[in-house]
Amino acid sequence: MPTQPAKKDLAAQAKSTRHGPPPAPGTRPAKPVNLYNFWTKEWLAIDAAAPPAPATINRFLRDHFTNKPAAMEPRLVAMLLAAASHFHSDVVDVVSGFRHPKYNLILRKKGHQVARDSQHTHGNAIDFYVPSVAAQVLQTWAKAQKLGGVGLYPESGFVHMDTGPIRSWSGE
């Protein structure tokens, strides 16, 4: 009759595998990417090998006006990590993640360039920039990802990416 492993052995094994396997000998572990939320002034370090729970990401990308989070499309954070990797940056600045429909309406009434049924209101869009990377260069990279919509906002210096239909535009 086989013996059952002790609880402490199971706990130790779970701890050792929680963060995935260590890098191969002689290789460097991946650097975390530090996301900075422009509106809330918060930082979130993300290790691609062990990303935070969706609730943590949802809270970080919450609407700054209502302070309400929403379920964010996971591919958006993957795109932020991919952009950081591509441009050899350990920082990505997030301008906007989730936008509450109420806040979206306020922005529309004030004449801001926001869609009536914005992908932001569904948790499917993110506006961001990578420090020291020109917005036009970031836009070219974003379009090549073929994830969905890509908007360039040259005056503000950020790019919009969403998981809706593939399309592109330029705003102010």
Protein backbone atom coordinates (compact mmCIF):
# COMPACT_ATOMS: atom_id res chain seq x y z
CA MET A 1 0.00 0.00 0.00
CA PRO A 2 1.57 3.34 -1.08
CA THR A 3 2.00 5.98 1.62
CA GLN A 4 0.44 9.40 1.32
CA PRO A 5 2.86 12.37 1.32
CA ALA A 6 2.81 14.44 4.49
CA LYS A 7 0.90 17.74 4.43
CA LYS A 8 4.10 19.71 4.97
CA ASP A 9 5.70 18.00 1.95
CA LEU A 10 2.67 18.83 -0.21
CA ALA A 11 2.77 22.46 0.99
CA ALA A 12 6.50 22.73 0.22
CA GLN A 13 5.95 21.27 -3.24
CA ALA A 14 3.08 23.69 -3.95
CA LYS A 15 5.25 26.65 -2.88
CA SER A 16 8.15 25.57 -5.05
CA THR A 17 5.99 25.24 -8.18
CA ARG A 18 3.77 28.28 -7.64
CA HIS A 19 5.99 30.61 -9.66
CA GLY A 20 6.79 28.19 -12.45
CA PRO A 21 10.10 26.54 -13.11
CA PRO A 22 13.29 28.51 -12.47
CA PRO A 23 15.21 29.76 -15.49
CA ALA A 24 17.69 27.39 -17.04
CA PRO A 25 21.19 27.61 -15.55
CA GLY A 26 23.16 30.43 -17.10
CA THR A 27 20.07 32.40 -18.19
CA ARG A 28 18.66 35.50 -16.62
CA PRO A 29 15.17 35.46 -15.15
CA ALA A 30 12.71 37.77 -16.91
CA LYS A 31 12.54 41.27 -15.48
CA PRO A 32 9.17 42.36 -14.20
CA VAL A 33 7.34 45.07 -16.10
CA ASN A 34 6.18 47.98 -13.99
CA LEU A 35 2.81 49.39 -15.00
CA TYR A 36 2.05 52.93 -13.89
CA ASN A 37 -1.54 54.20 -13.76
CA PHE A 38 -1.52 57.83 -14.86
CA TRP A 39 -4.71 58.76 -12.98
CA THR A 40 -4.42 56.81 -9.73
CA LYS A 41 -0.62 57.19 -9.46
CA GLU A 42 -0.36 53.48 -8.63
CA TRP A 43 2.29 51.01 -9.72
CA LEU A 44 1.81 47.33 -10.49
CA ALA A 45 4.82 45.09 -11.11
CA ILE A 46 4.03 42.16 -13.38
CA ASP A 47 6.22 39.11 -13.79
CA ALA A 48 5.23 37.46 -17.07
CA ALA A 49 6.01 34.03 -15.59
CA ALA A 50 3.64 34.59 -12.65
CA PRO A 51 1.11 37.31 -13.51
CA PRO A 52 -1.14 38.67 -10.76
CA ALA A 53 -4.69 37.46 -10.28
CA PRO A 54 -7.30 38.98 -12.61
CA ALA A 55 -8.87 40.80 -9.64
CA THR A 56 -5.59 42.64 -9.05
CA ILE A 57 -5.37 43.69 -12.69
CA ASN A 58 -9.05 44.69 -12.76
CA ARG A 59 -8.55 46.86 -9.68
CA PHE A 60 -5.41 48.46 -11.14
CA LEU A 61 -7.18 49.28 -14.43
CA ARG A 62 -10.37 50.52 -12.74
CA ASP A 63 -12.22 53.67 -13.76
CA HIS A 64 -10.54 56.52 -11.90
CA PHE A 65 -13.69 58.67 -11.88
CA THR A 66 -16.06 56.16 -10.24
CA ASN A 67 -13.32 53.99 -8.68
CA LYS A 68 -15.18 50.95 -10.04
CA PRO A 69 -13.32 47.99 -11.58
CA ALA A 70 -14.53 45.74 -14.36
CA ALA A 71 -13.41 42.42 -15.79
CA MET A 72 -10.61 43.39 -18.17
CA GLU A 73 -9.74 41.43 -21.30
CA PRO A 74 -6.56 39.46 -20.35
CA ARG A 75 -5.00 39.91 -23.81
CA LEU A 76 -4.60 43.62 -23.08
CA VAL A 77 -2.11 43.06 -20.27
CA ALA A 78 -0.32 40.52 -22.48
CA MET A 79 -0.02 43.28 -25.11
CA LEU A 80 1.44 45.69 -22.53
CA LEU A 81 4.04 43.07 -21.61
CA ALA A 82 4.76 42.40 -25.28
CA ALA A 83 5.23 46.12 -25.96
CA ALA A 84 7.59 46.45 -22.98
CA SER A 85 9.58 43.47 -24.22
CA HIS A 86 9.70 44.70 -27.82
CA PHE A 87 10.89 48.17 -26.84
CA HIS A 88 13.22 46.90 -24.07
CA SER A 89 11.40 48.87 -21.38
CA ASP A 90 10.57 47.87 -17.85
CA VAL A 91 7.87 50.57 -17.57
CA VAL A 92 4.55 51.04 -19.37
CA ASP A 93 2.33 54.00 -18.52
CA VAL A 94 -1.40 53.31 -18.58
CA VAL A 95 -3.58 56.31 -19.43
CA SER A 96 -6.94 54.54 -19.40
CA GLY A 97 -8.25 51.03 -18.84
CA PHE A 98 -11.88 50.51 -17.86
CA ARG A 99 -14.11 53.54 -18.33
CA HIS A 100 -17.48 53.46 -16.59
CA PRO A 101 -20.36 54.23 -18.99
CA LYS A 102 -21.33 57.19 -16.78
CA TYR A 103 -17.84 58.70 -17.09
CA ASN A 104 -17.78 57.93 -20.82
CA LEU A 105 -21.01 59.94 -21.22
CA ILE A 106 -19.53 62.86 -19.27
CA LEU A 107 -16.50 62.88 -21.58
CA ARG A 108 -18.75 62.79 -24.67
CA LYS A 109 -20.80 65.72 -23.38
CA LYS A 110 -17.59 67.70 -22.80
CA GLY A 111 -16.63 67.14 -26.44
CA HIS A 112 -13.82 64.63 -25.90
CA GLN A 113 -13.17 62.12 -28.66
CA VAL A 114 -14.74 59.03 -27.11
CA ALA A 115 -17.03 56.56 -28.83
CA ARG A 116 -20.63 56.32 -27.66
CA ASP A 117 -20.21 52.58 -26.97
CA SER A 118 -16.47 52.66 -26.27
CA GLN A 119 -14.55 49.41 -25.93
CA HIS A 120 -13.25 50.91 -22.67
CA THR A 121 -16.75 50.61 -21.18
CA HIS A 122 -16.63 46.85 -21.78
CA GLY A 123 -13.14 46.29 -20.35
CA ASN A 124 -11.79 45.57 -23.85
CA ALA A 125 -9.49 48.57 -24.37
CA ILE A 126 -6.42 50.23 -22.96
CA ASP A 127 -4.67 53.53 -23.70
CA PHE A 128 -0.95 53.52 -22.95
CA TYR A 129 2.53 54.63 -23.89
CA VAL A 130 6.04 53.36 -23.39
CA PRO A 131 8.38 56.07 -22.12
CA SER A 132 10.96 57.18 -24.70
CA VAL A 133 9.06 55.50 -27.56
CA ALA A 134 7.36 57.83 -30.04
CA ALA A 135 3.60 57.32 -30.24
CA GLN A 136 3.80 56.78 -34.01
CA VAL A 137 6.39 54.00 -33.52
CA LEU A 138 4.22 52.40 -30.84
CA GLN A 139 1.19 52.66 -33.15
CA THR A 140 3.04 50.87 -35.96
CA TRP A 141 3.95 48.07 -33.56
CA ALA A 142 0.38 47.90 -32.19
CA LYS A 143 -1.14 47.62 -35.67
CA ALA A 144 1.25 44.76 -36.49
CA GLN A 145 -0.17 42.80 -33.53
CA LYS A 146 -3.56 42.54 -35.28
CA LEU A 147 -5.37 42.34 -31.93
CA GLY A 148 -8.20 44.75 -32.77
CA GLY A 149 -8.58 48.51 -32.93
CA VAL A 150 -5.56 50.81 -32.74
CA GLY A 151 -5.87 54.54 -32.24
CA LEU A 152 -3.06 57.08 -32.28
CA TYR A 153 -3.35 60.23 -30.15
CA PRO A 154 -0.21 62.16 -31.15
CA GLU A 155 -0.96 65.33 -29.18
CA SER A 156 -1.42 63.32 -25.98
CA GLY A 157 1.35 60.87 -26.89
CA PHE A 158 -0.49 57.61 -26.34
CA VAL A 159 -1.90 54.69 -28.28
CA HIS A 160 -5.25 52.97 -27.86
CA MET A 161 -5.53 49.19 -28.30
CA ASP A 162 -8.70 47.15 -28.04
CA THR A 163 -9.95 43.66 -28.83
CA GLY A 164 -12.80 44.76 -31.10
CA PRO A 165 -12.74 44.58 -34.90
CA ILE A 166 -9.42 45.40 -36.57
CA ARG A 167 -9.44 49.08 -37.52
CA SER A 168 -7.30 52.17 -36.94
CA TRP A 169 -7.71 55.92 -36.53
CA SER A 170 -5.91 59.02 -35.40
CA GLY A 171 -7.27 61.42 -32.81
CA GLU A 172 -6.13 64.56 -31.04
